[in-house]
């Protein structure tokens, strides 16, 4: 009988994502206080520290949401706890890392997390980080004093900073970019909930799928009668049996190799 797994519902994916972000955000906040404890942004702004902090934010998000899932079978901490996994719909019916030989196929690992998982996160936080990185470069070019004024004009324009400290067109551009990014995130959020139990726009764009690893059981013993009730999503869906069959074959080969090695060793001892 084939194993069938449903796409993860929006509520489960939302809570996993929320908890993951809280975890990463906590690390980012701790680093903020460590980095700016001696040089507070409000009174002793240093452009290079702000630049380092923006790099740290991007690296933290990249490592947690791209690198770790790439090396951990499509799972972050809370997707693992909530029994979900990310699969690549373009590979041979399963997550690419499953069939990779780490010694011979390092380039495949690199291409995988750079393309699919990076694309998966592109509209979620990568655009935001790109805007932040660009802002930090502008602040470095302006110097510490003018940089602080510019930073305030971007984030506190409603407080009258623009009238007192000379906001220029670049500050308006960055403010607009942050606003557009927020609107894009809102649109993704709406699409996320509308397509609960289906692939949303991010899944389609990144050629990935998130499955909830609770097997769907047929209502009767005759699988063929219930086959019409099974939705084929064009990816793992009911094809997941090939995943576990191949995983079983791999483990079987490993056991055979171990047994051969043990047999040779025992013959030598004799």
Protein backbone atom coordinates (compact mmCIF):
# COMPACT_ATOMS: atom_id res chain seq x y z
CA UNK A 1 0.00 0.00 0.00
CA UNK A 2 1.28 3.44 -0.89
CA UNK A 3 2.00 5.94 1.81
CA UNK A 4 0.12 9.20 1.40
CA UNK A 5 0.89 12.42 3.25
CA UNK A 6 -1.10 15.66 3.09
CA UNK A 7 0.24 19.12 2.51
CA UNK A 8 0.75 20.85 5.86
CA UNK A 9 -2.21 23.07 6.84
CA UNK A 10 -1.65 26.82 7.13
CA UNK A 11 -2.20 26.86 10.91
CA UNK A 12 0.54 24.30 11.55
CA UNK A 13 2.94 26.01 9.15
CA UNK A 14 2.15 29.41 10.67
CA UNK A 15 2.93 28.35 14.23
CA UNK A 16 6.13 26.59 13.14
CA UNK A 17 7.24 29.69 11.27
CA UNK A 18 6.26 31.99 14.13
CA UNK A 19 8.20 29.96 16.70
CA UNK A 20 11.20 29.74 14.37
CA UNK A 21 11.18 33.52 13.93
CA UNK A 22 10.88 34.07 17.68
CA UNK A 23 13.94 31.86 18.20
CA UNK A 24 16.03 33.68 15.59
CA UNK A 25 14.72 37.08 16.69
CA UNK A 26 15.83 36.31 20.26
CA UNK A 27 19.36 35.60 19.03
CA UNK A 28 19.36 38.83 16.97
CA UNK A 29 18.15 40.91 19.94
CA UNK A 30 20.82 39.44 22.24
CA UNK A 31 23.50 40.28 19.69
CA UNK A 32 22.08 43.82 19.40
CA UNK A 33 22.60 44.47 23.11
CA UNK A 34 26.08 42.93 23.00
CA UNK A 35 27.11 44.98 19.97
CA UNK A 36 25.61 48.33 20.99
CA UNK A 37 26.06 48.17 24.76
CA UNK A 38 29.09 50.47 24.63
CA UNK A 39 27.99 52.51 21.61
CA UNK A 40 24.22 53.12 21.77
CA UNK A 41 22.75 54.04 18.40
CA UNK A 42 20.86 57.03 19.84
CA UNK A 43 23.88 58.75 21.44
CA UNK A 44 27.04 57.24 19.92
CA UNK A 45 26.16 55.97 16.46
CA UNK A 46 28.84 54.02 14.62
CA UNK A 47 28.16 53.24 10.98
CA UNK A 48 30.42 50.21 10.86
CA UNK A 49 28.63 48.62 13.84
CA UNK A 50 25.29 49.09 12.12
CA UNK A 51 26.79 47.50 8.99
CA UNK A 52 28.04 44.49 10.99
CA UNK A 53 24.64 44.15 12.64
CA UNK A 54 22.85 44.04 9.27
CA UNK A 55 25.25 41.33 8.11
CA UNK A 56 24.61 39.37 11.32
CA UNK A 57 20.83 39.57 10.79
CA UNK A 58 21.11 38.20 7.27
CA UNK A 59 23.53 35.45 8.29
CA UNK A 60 21.31 34.38 11.20
CA UNK A 61 18.26 34.09 8.95
CA UNK A 62 20.22 32.42 6.16
CA UNK A 63 21.78 29.83 8.42
CA UNK A 64 18.52 28.97 10.18
CA UNK A 65 16.05 29.03 7.29
CA UNK A 66 18.28 27.98 4.39
CA UNK A 67 21.44 26.19 5.49
CA UNK A 68 20.00 24.14 8.37
CA UNK A 69 17.02 22.79 6.37
CA UNK A 70 19.37 21.98 3.50
CA UNK A 71 21.49 19.79 5.75
CA UNK A 72 18.70 18.54 8.02
CA UNK A 73 16.30 16.91 5.55
CA UNK A 74 14.12 19.97 5.04
CA UNK A 75 13.49 20.74 8.70
CA UNK A 76 14.04 23.59 11.11
CA UNK A 77 13.65 23.04 14.84
CA UNK A 78 9.92 23.71 14.99
CA UNK A 79 9.01 22.09 11.67
CA UNK A 80 10.64 18.98 13.14
CA UNK A 81 8.69 19.31 16.40
CA UNK A 82 5.43 19.86 14.50
CA UNK A 83 6.15 16.89 12.20
CA UNK A 84 6.64 18.71 8.91
CA UNK A 85 9.26 18.56 6.20
CA UNK A 86 10.14 20.58 3.12
CA UNK A 87 10.50 18.56 -0.07
CA UNK A 88 11.89 19.57 -3.44
CA UNK A 89 9.28 19.00 -6.13
CA UNK A 90 11.84 19.11 -8.97
CA UNK A 91 14.06 16.31 -7.72
CA UNK A 92 13.12 12.67 -8.11
CA UNK A 93 10.09 12.79 -5.83
CA UNK A 94 11.93 13.62 -2.67
CA UNK A 95 14.17 16.02 -0.86
CA UNK A 96 17.48 16.24 -2.71
CA UNK A 97 19.66 15.77 0.36
CA UNK A 98 18.32 12.20 0.78
CA UNK A 99 20.34 10.88 -2.17
CA UNK A 100 23.46 13.02 -1.96
CA UNK A 101 26.90 11.64 -1.39
CA UNK A 102 28.54 14.37 0.67
CA UNK A 103 31.99 13.57 -0.70
CA UNK A 104 31.10 13.53 -4.39
CA UNK A 105 28.06 15.79 -4.67
CA UNK A 106 28.90 18.92 -2.67
CA UNK A 107 28.04 21.09 -5.67
CA UNK A 108 24.50 19.67 -5.66
CA UNK A 109 24.04 20.62 -2.01
CA UNK A 110 25.27 24.13 -2.77
CA UNK A 111 22.97 24.52 -5.78
CA UNK A 112 20.01 23.17 -3.85
CA UNK A 113 19.98 25.52 -0.88
CA UNK A 114 21.08 28.49 -2.99
CA UNK A 115 18.21 28.01 -5.44
CA UNK A 116 15.18 26.35 -3.91
CA UNK A 117 15.38 27.27 -0.23
CA UNK A 118 16.85 30.69 -0.95
CA UNK A 119 14.00 31.36 -3.39
CA UNK A 120 11.56 30.07 -0.78
CA UNK A 121 12.73 32.73 1.66
CA UNK A 122 13.38 35.49 -0.87
CA UNK A 123 10.15 37.45 -0.43
CA UNK A 124 9.83 36.60 3.26
CA UNK A 125 13.02 38.18 4.62
CA UNK A 126 15.69 38.37 1.91
CA UNK A 127 14.29 41.53 0.33
CA UNK A 128 14.11 43.12 3.78
CA UNK A 129 17.76 42.22 4.40
CA UNK A 130 18.81 43.60 1.01
CA UNK A 131 17.16 46.92 1.85
CA UNK A 132 18.87 46.93 5.26
CA UNK A 133 22.25 46.13 3.71
CA UNK A 134 21.85 48.95 1.16
CA UNK A 135 20.89 51.35 3.96
CA UNK A 136 23.96 50.38 5.98
CA UNK A 137 26.22 51.13 2.98
CA UNK A 138 24.64 54.59 2.64
CA UNK A 139 25.20 55.22 6.36
CA UNK A 140 28.85 54.21 6.06
CA UNK A 141 29.35 56.64 3.17
CA UNK A 142 27.73 59.52 5.10
CA UNK A 143 29.77 59.12 8.27
CA UNK A 144 28.58 58.70 11.85
CA UNK A 145 26.93 62.09 12.48
CA UNK A 146 25.16 62.50 9.14
CA UNK A 147 24.45 58.78 9.13
CA UNK A 148 22.49 59.01 12.39
CA UNK A 149 20.47 61.92 11.00
CA UNK A 150 19.73 59.94 7.85
CA UNK A 151 18.75 56.86 9.86
CA UNK A 152 16.31 58.90 11.94
CA UNK A 153 14.86 60.48 8.81
CA UNK A 154 14.10 57.03 7.41
CA UNK A 155 12.48 55.49 10.49
CA UNK A 156 11.18 58.49 12.43
CA UNK A 157 10.02 60.76 9.62
CA UNK A 158 6.59 61.05 11.23
CA UNK A 159 8.19 62.57 14.32
CA UNK A 160 9.28 65.69 12.50
CA UNK A 161 12.88 64.66 11.86
CA UNK A 162 12.54 65.60 8.21
CA UNK A 163 11.70 69.20 9.07
CA UNK A 164 14.52 69.67 11.55
CA UNK A 165 17.43 67.66 10.19
CA UNK A 166 17.12 67.87 6.42
CA UNK A 167 15.79 64.61 5.03
CA UNK A 168 16.68 64.13 1.38
CA UNK A 169 15.12 62.10 -1.41
CA UNK A 170 17.16 59.00 -0.49
CA UNK A 171 15.45 58.79 2.88
CA UNK A 172 12.07 58.91 1.15
CA UNK A 173 13.20 56.13 -1.20
CA UNK A 174 14.20 53.86 1.68
CA UNK A 175 10.99 54.60 3.55
CA UNK A 176 9.05 53.68 0.41
CA UNK A 177 11.04 50.48 -0.04
CA UNK A 178 10.23 49.35 3.50
CA UNK A 179 6.56 50.16 2.92
CA UNK A 180 6.46 48.22 -0.36
CA UNK A 181 8.18 45.28 1.31
CA UNK A 182 5.55 45.33 4.05
CA UNK A 183 2.76 45.27 1.45
CA UNK A 184 4.41 42.32 -0.32
CA UNK A 185 4.60 40.42 2.98
CA UNK A 186 0.94 41.18 3.66
CA UNK A 187 -0.01 39.81 0.25
CA UNK A 188 2.01 36.64 0.89
CA UNK A 189 0.36 36.28 4.29
CA UNK A 190 -3.14 36.48 2.74
CA UNK A 191 -2.20 34.00 0.02
CA UNK A 192 -0.76 31.72 2.71
CA UNK A 193 -4.08 31.47 4.56
CA UNK A 194 -6.27 31.35 1.44
CA UNK A 195 -4.31 28.34 0.20
CA UNK A 196 -4.35 26.37 3.44
CA UNK A 197 -3.80 22.72 2.60
CA UNK A 198 -2.55 23.69 -0.86
CA UNK A 199 0.67 24.99 -2.33
CA UNK A 200 0.88 28.74 -1.93
CA UNK A 201 2.68 31.23 -4.14
CA UNK A 202 5.96 30.83 -2.23
CA UNK A 203 5.88 27.03 -2.64
CA UNK A 204 5.25 27.33 -6.37
CA UNK A 205 7.91 30.00 -6.86
CA UNK A 206 10.55 27.93 -5.03
CA UNK A 207 9.48 24.51 -6.41
CA UNK A 208 9.06 23.16 -2.88
CA UNK A 209 6.30 21.66 -0.80
CA UNK A 210 5.76 21.30 2.94
CA UNK A 211 4.21 18.01 4.00
CA UNK A 212 2.62 17.07 7.29
CA UNK A 213 4.05 13.65 8.11
CA UNK A 214 0.87 12.04 9.32
CA UNK A 215 0.00 9.29 6.87
CA UNK A 216 -3.44 9.40 5.25
CA UNK A 217 -5.04 6.00 5.69
CA UNK A 218 -7.61 4.67 3.18
CA UNK A 219 -11.10 4.33 4.64
CA UNK A 220 -11.30 0.70 3.51
CA UNK A 221 -8.89 -2.14 2.91
CA UNK A 222 -9.31 -1.72 -0.83
CA UNK A 223 -6.89 1.04 -1.73
CA UNK A 224 -8.05 1.29 -5.33
CA UNK A 225 -11.59 2.21 -4.28
CA UNK A 226 -10.30 5.10 -2.22
CA UNK A 227 -7.71 6.20 -4.73
CA UNK A 228 -10.08 8.79 -6.19
CA UNK A 229 -10.20 10.49 -2.79
CA UNK A 230 -6.42 11.03 -2.77
CA UNK A 231 -5.18 14.33 -4.10
CA UNK A 232 -2.07 14.19 -6.24
CA UNK A 233 -0.18 17.43 -5.74
CA UNK A 234 2.36 16.76 -8.46
CA UNK A 235 5.09 16.09 -5.91
CA UNK A 236 5.55 13.87 -2.93
CA UNK A 237 1.82 13.20 -2.29
CA UNK A 238 1.24 9.52 -2.92
CA UNK A 239 4.68 9.16 -4.52
CA UNK A 240 6.31 9.28 -1.11
CA UNK A 241 6.41 5.51 -1.01
CA UNK A 242 9.34 5.71 -3.44
CA UNK A 243 11.15 7.92 -0.95
CA UNK A 244 10.95 5.47 1.87
CA UNK A 245 11.54 2.49 -0.39
CA UNK A 246 14.77 4.03 -1.61
CA UNK A 247 15.75 5.03 1.90
CA UNK A 248 15.12 1.41 2.91
CA UNK A 249 17.30 0.16 0.05
CA UNK A 250 20.09 2.53 1.07
CA UNK A 251 19.93 1.33 4.67
CA UNK A 252 19.81 -2.27 3.43
CA UNK A 253 22.95 -1.72 1.35
CA UNK A 254 24.70 -0.21 4.36
CA UNK A 255 23.74 -3.22 6.49
CA UNK A 256 24.98 -5.58 3.79
CA UNK A 257 28.30 -3.77 3.65
CA UNK A 258 28.61 -3.98 7.43
CA UNK A 259 27.80 -7.69 7.37
CA UNK A 260 30.38 -8.32 4.63
CA UNK A 261 32.98 -6.41 6.62
CA UNK A 262 32.17 -8.37 9.77
CA UNK A 263 32.36 -11.64 7.85
CA UNK A 264 35.77 -10.76 6.41
CA UNK A 265 36.97 -9.72 9.83
CA UNK A 266 35.80 -12.96 11.44
CA UNK A 267 37.51 -15.00 8.68
CA UNK A 268 40.75 -13.15 9.29
CA UNK A 269 40.56 -13.83 13.01
CA UNK A 270 40.11 -17.55 12.29
